[in-house]
Protein backbone atom coordinates (compact mmCIF):
# COMPACT_ATOMS: atom_id res chain seq x y z
CA UNK A 1 0.00 0.00 0.00
CA UNK A 2 1.31 3.44 -0.91
CA UNK A 3 0.65 6.55 1.07
CA UNK A 4 0.00 9.94 -0.44
CA UNK A 5 0.75 13.26 1.12
CA UNK A 6 -1.72 16.08 1.39
CA UNK A 7 0.00 18.01 -1.41
CA UNK A 8 -0.23 15.00 -3.76
CA UNK A 9 -3.96 14.77 -3.13
CA UNK A 10 -4.61 18.49 -3.55
CA UNK A 11 -6.59 19.13 -6.69
CA UNK A 12 -5.35 21.34 -9.48
CA UNK A 13 -6.76 24.85 -9.70
CA UNK A 14 -8.88 26.23 -12.52
CA UNK A 15 -8.46 29.72 -13.98
CA UNK A 16 -11.31 30.83 -11.72
CA UNK A 17 -9.58 29.38 -8.64
CA UNK A 18 -6.34 31.20 -9.46
CA UNK A 19 -8.19 34.42 -10.21
CA UNK A 20 -9.96 34.22 -6.87
CA UNK A 21 -6.69 33.54 -5.04
CA UNK A 22 -4.88 36.45 -6.72
CA UNK A 23 -7.90 38.76 -6.78
CA UNK A 24 -7.90 39.20 -10.56
CA UNK A 25 -10.51 38.29 -13.20
CA UNK A 26 -9.94 35.11 -15.22
CA UNK A 27 -9.57 37.27 -18.36
CA UNK A 28 -6.48 38.85 -16.79
CA UNK A 29 -4.91 35.41 -16.38
CA UNK A 30 -5.54 34.63 -20.05
CA UNK A 31 -3.95 37.96 -21.04
CA UNK A 32 -0.96 37.29 -18.79
CA UNK A 33 -0.59 33.83 -20.33
CA UNK A 34 -0.45 35.33 -23.84
CA UNK A 35 2.24 37.75 -22.62
CA UNK A 36 4.16 34.94 -20.86
CA UNK A 37 3.60 36.51 -17.47
CA UNK A 38 1.95 35.12 -14.37
CA UNK A 39 1.93 31.68 -12.83
CA UNK A 40 2.57 28.76 -15.17
CA UNK A 41 -0.47 26.77 -16.18
CA UNK A 42 -0.77 23.57 -18.17
CA UNK A 43 -3.34 22.25 -20.55
CA UNK A 44 -5.19 19.11 -19.53
CA UNK A 45 -7.03 18.35 -22.72
CA UNK A 46 -8.71 21.63 -23.55
CA UNK A 47 -8.73 22.82 -19.94
CA UNK A 48 -6.13 25.05 -18.28
CA UNK A 49 -5.01 23.92 -14.83
CA UNK A 50 -2.57 25.28 -12.26
CA UNK A 51 -0.54 23.63 -9.52
CA UNK A 52 -1.63 25.49 -6.35
CA UNK A 53 1.87 25.41 -4.86
CA UNK A 54 3.37 26.82 -8.08
CA UNK A 55 0.86 29.69 -7.97
CA UNK A 56 1.72 30.41 -4.35
CA UNK A 57 5.45 30.30 -5.13
CA UNK A 58 5.02 32.63 -8.12
CA UNK A 59 3.25 35.10 -5.84
CA UNK A 60 5.94 34.83 -3.15
CA UNK A 61 8.63 35.45 -5.78
CA UNK A 62 7.08 38.72 -6.96
CA UNK A 63 9.14 41.78 -6.15
CA UNK A 64 7.54 43.65 -3.27
CA UNK A 65 5.84 46.89 -4.21
CA UNK A 66 8.04 49.92 -3.71
CA UNK A 67 6.56 52.59 -1.49
């Protein structure tokens, strides 16, 4: 019997999930994708999916806003 960790069982995020997490509309994510900006997503068939940890890491890696 194999055991799976919580992160292995976590479902992939949709464009709507990522948009909700980042506080941006899904259309913004599609625009970013065309411009090769934003968190990396992958096609699963005709659907775009994101690894939640990769999205979180992308956000953490953003340069902090300058004040």
